[in-house]
Amino acid sequence: MRKLRQLGAIALILGIVSGCNLTSAPPSSLPRVSPKPGIEKPKLKPAPTAQNPVASATNNPNLLLGNPSNAASNAASADNYLMVKPQYIVSYNSKTHTANWVSWQLNRSWIGAADRKNDFRPDDALPATWYKVRPTDYTGSGYNRGHIAPSAVAKRGVSHRTRNESDNSATFLMTNMMPQSPE
């Protein structure tokens, strides 16, 4: 029951951040579509991996609740640029230099014993002509670099991306940071 409440809270937060109205249509009121006899279900496209991070986001488990802003992996979508990473997915805004939203899957498979990397760095996956936020951009601003997809959660000591060092390190990309009040 506690896990269900946690997932519900995450969905609600994701909806608020993305501007979605999660209360507009309860699932029971949505039309049910049954597959026609003789028609096979389409094969799922592979989820992103370290070897293929740009695999289709269509069936990605990190987008289980959908792509709320219809972000696209196209440099022309400068204010809604889709970045597919194995650990999470980002809609990045090159004008504000922050994410519009970040979506990640939360389950035990991501929890391990890897140490916190603390290797804050620019995200080289951004188009070459775009400004890449550096960790030092926060120096003297009065704000901390706040994770969106967490490296760890302070309460209860749960670490979300500690399966291996690579997964934890990915949470320290500056495209996954938001100005955070030190308080």
Protein backbone atom coordinates (compact mmCIF):
# COMPACT_ATOMS: atom_id res chain seq x y z
CA MET A 1 0.00 0.00 0.00
CA ARG A 2 2.84 2.38 0.87
CA LYS A 3 4.45 1.73 -2.52
CA LEU A 4 1.17 2.51 -4.26
CA ARG A 5 0.92 5.82 -2.41
CA GLN A 6 4.54 6.63 -3.35
CA LEU A 7 3.88 5.89 -7.04
CA GLY A 8 0.69 7.95 -6.89
CA ALA A 9 2.58 10.86 -5.35
CA ILE A 10 5.26 10.64 -8.04
CA ALA A 11 2.62 10.58 -10.78
CA LEU A 12 0.92 13.60 -9.22
CA ILE A 13 4.21 15.51 -8.97
CA LEU A 14 5.08 14.62 -12.55
CA GLY A 15 1.64 15.83 -13.62
CA ILE A 16 1.99 19.10 -11.75
CA VAL A 17 5.48 19.73 -13.14
CA SER A 18 4.35 18.93 -16.67
CA GLY A 19 1.10 20.90 -16.39
CA CYS A 20 -1.06 17.85 -17.04
CA ASN A 21 -4.51 17.52 -15.56
CA LEU A 22 -4.42 14.01 -14.12
CA THR A 23 -8.00 14.23 -12.86
CA SER A 24 -9.76 14.96 -16.15
CA ALA A 25 -10.61 11.40 -17.18
CA PRO A 26 -10.49 8.44 -14.83
CA PRO A 27 -9.17 5.29 -16.52
CA SER A 28 -12.57 3.57 -16.21
CA SER A 29 -14.17 6.24 -18.42
CA LEU A 30 -11.66 5.83 -21.24
CA PRO A 31 -12.77 3.73 -24.22
CA ARG A 32 -11.44 0.17 -24.31
CA VAL A 33 -9.94 -0.97 -27.61
CA SER A 34 -9.85 -4.70 -28.22
CA PRO A 35 -7.42 -6.14 -30.76
CA LYS A 36 -9.09 -7.54 -33.87
CA PRO A 37 -8.78 -11.29 -34.42
CA GLY A 38 -5.81 -12.22 -36.57
CA ILE A 39 -3.91 -8.97 -35.90
CA GLU A 40 -0.69 -9.34 -33.95
CA LYS A 41 0.37 -6.82 -31.35
CA PRO A 42 3.24 -4.65 -32.61
CA LYS A 43 6.69 -5.57 -31.33
CA LEU A 44 8.02 -3.21 -28.71
CA LYS A 45 11.03 -1.21 -29.75
CA PRO A 46 14.11 -1.73 -27.58
CA ALA A 47 14.49 0.41 -24.49
CA PRO A 48 17.59 2.59 -24.33
CA THR A 49 20.77 0.98 -23.07
CA ALA A 50 24.28 2.24 -22.47
CA GLN A 51 25.15 0.98 -25.95
CA ASN A 52 22.07 2.50 -27.61
CA PRO A 53 20.90 5.50 -25.53
CA VAL A 54 18.78 6.99 -28.30
CA ALA A 55 16.51 3.97 -28.77
CA SER A 56 12.90 4.90 -29.37
CA ALA A 57 11.21 6.53 -26.41
CA THR A 58 7.81 5.33 -27.58
CA ASN A 59 7.77 2.21 -25.42
CA ASN A 60 10.39 3.28 -22.92
CA PRO A 61 9.58 2.33 -19.31
CA ASN A 62 10.71 5.81 -18.24
CA LEU A 63 7.76 7.22 -20.20
CA LEU A 64 5.14 4.92 -18.77
CA LEU A 65 2.88 7.92 -18.11
CA GLY A 66 3.53 9.34 -21.58
CA ASN A 67 5.37 12.30 -23.09
CA PRO A 68 3.40 15.18 -21.51
CA SER A 69 4.74 17.93 -23.77
CA ASN A 70 5.30 15.88 -26.93
CA ALA A 71 9.02 16.60 -26.71
CA ALA A 72 10.99 15.64 -29.82
CA SER A 73 14.60 14.56 -30.40
CA ASN A 74 15.06 17.33 -32.94
CA ALA A 75 17.32 20.36 -32.48
CA ALA A 76 14.52 22.49 -33.96
CA SER A 77 12.58 21.72 -30.75
CA ALA A 78 14.91 23.95 -28.76
CA ASP A 79 12.38 24.61 -26.00
CA ASN A 80 11.12 20.99 -25.80
CA TYR A 81 14.08 18.78 -26.74
CA LEU A 82 13.70 15.08 -25.88
CA MET A 83 16.80 13.44 -24.41
CA VAL A 84 16.56 9.68 -23.94
CA LYS A 85 18.97 8.28 -21.40
CA PRO A 86 18.98 4.73 -20.05
CA GLN A 87 18.34 6.04 -16.52
CA TYR A 88 15.70 8.72 -17.25
CA ILE A 89 14.21 10.89 -19.99
CA VAL A 90 14.41 14.70 -20.17
CA SER A 91 12.47 17.38 -21.99
CA TYR A 92 15.15 20.09 -22.10
CA ASN A 93 14.68 23.80 -22.74
CA SER A 94 17.73 25.43 -24.36
CA LYS A 95 16.37 28.91 -23.60
CA THR A 96 16.06 28.42 -19.82
CA HIS A 97 18.97 25.93 -19.68
CA THR A 98 16.87 23.64 -17.49
CA ALA A 99 14.58 20.68 -17.95
CA ASN A 100 10.88 21.18 -18.61
CA TRP A 101 10.35 17.78 -17.02
CA VAL A 102 12.21 14.58 -16.24
CA SER A 103 10.68 11.13 -16.06
CA TRP A 104 12.21 8.03 -14.51
CA GLN A 105 11.13 4.59 -13.47
CA LEU A 106 11.16 3.85 -9.77
CA ASN A 107 11.65 0.23 -8.71
CA ARG A 108 14.12 -1.96 -6.83
CA SER A 109 16.10 -2.84 -9.96
CA TRP A 110 17.79 0.59 -9.81
CA ILE A 111 18.99 0.18 -6.22
CA GLY A 112 22.46 -1.20 -5.57
CA ALA A 113 25.66 -0.49 -3.71
CA ALA A 114 27.41 2.00 -6.01
CA ASP A 115 28.71 5.11 -4.27
CA ARG A 116 27.43 8.61 -5.02
CA LYS A 117 29.60 9.93 -7.87
CA ASN A 118 29.32 13.72 -7.35
CA ASP A 119 30.71 14.21 -10.87
CA PHE A 120 28.59 17.21 -11.91
CA ARG A 121 29.31 17.97 -15.57
CA PRO A 122 27.86 19.46 -18.77
CA ASP A 123 25.75 17.16 -20.92
CA ASP A 124 27.62 16.49 -24.16
CA ALA A 125 24.47 14.93 -25.66
CA LEU A 126 23.06 18.43 -26.29
CA PRO A 127 23.39 19.76 -29.85
CA ALA A 128 26.86 21.24 -30.44
CA THR A 129 25.61 24.82 -30.96
CA TRP A 130 23.67 24.97 -27.68
CA TYR A 131 25.09 26.36 -24.47
CA LYS A 132 26.01 23.56 -22.07
CA VAL A 133 25.48 24.50 -18.42
CA ARG A 134 28.60 23.96 -16.31
CA PRO A 135 28.65 23.14 -12.60
CA THR A 136 30.46 26.45 -11.96
CA ASP A 137 27.49 28.38 -13.40
CA TYR A 138 25.88 27.96 -9.97
CA THR A 139 28.85 29.50 -8.12
CA GLY A 140 27.77 32.67 -6.28
CA SER A 141 24.16 32.35 -7.46
CA GLY A 142 22.75 31.51 -4.03
CA TYR A 143 21.37 28.25 -5.40
CA ASN A 144 22.51 24.64 -5.24
CA ARG A 145 22.49 22.17 -8.12
CA GLY A 146 19.32 20.21 -7.39
CA HIS A 147 18.78 16.79 -8.94
CA ILE A 148 15.48 16.20 -10.71
CA ALA A 149 15.90 12.44 -11.29
CA PRO A 150 17.50 11.69 -7.93
CA SER A 151 20.84 10.11 -7.21
CA ALA A 152 19.56 9.33 -3.73
CA VAL A 153 16.77 10.32 -1.40
CA ALA A 154 17.92 11.69 1.94
CA LYS A 155 14.98 10.30 3.91
CA ARG A 156 15.31 6.63 4.72
CA GLY A 157 18.67 6.50 2.88
CA VAL A 158 17.12 5.07 -0.31
CA SER A 159 19.37 5.49 -3.33
CA HIS A 160 17.53 5.56 -6.63
CA ARG A 161 20.34 5.12 -9.15
CA THR A 162 23.01 3.05 -7.39
CA ARG A 163 22.78 -0.18 -9.41
CA ASN A 164 26.19 0.72 -10.84
CA GLU A 165 28.51 3.73 -11.03
CA SER A 166 27.42 4.61 -14.56
CA ASP A 167 23.75 4.87 -13.53
CA ASN A 168 24.60 7.06 -10.55
CA SER A 169 26.94 9.23 -12.59
CA ALA A 170 24.21 9.90 -15.17
CA THR A 171 22.16 11.72 -12.53
CA PHE A 172 24.94 14.33 -12.23
CA LEU A 173 24.57 15.66 -15.80
CA MET A 174 23.65 19.35 -15.69
CA THR A 175 20.56 18.72 -17.87
CA ASN A 176 19.21 16.86 -14.80
CA MET A 177 19.77 19.85 -12.48
CA MET A 178 17.43 22.62 -11.37
CA PRO A 179 18.33 25.62 -9.18
CA GLN A 180 17.56 24.56 -5.62
CA SER A 181 17.36 26.70 -2.52
CA PRO A 182 19.96 25.61 0.06
CA GLU A 183 17.20 25.54 2.69
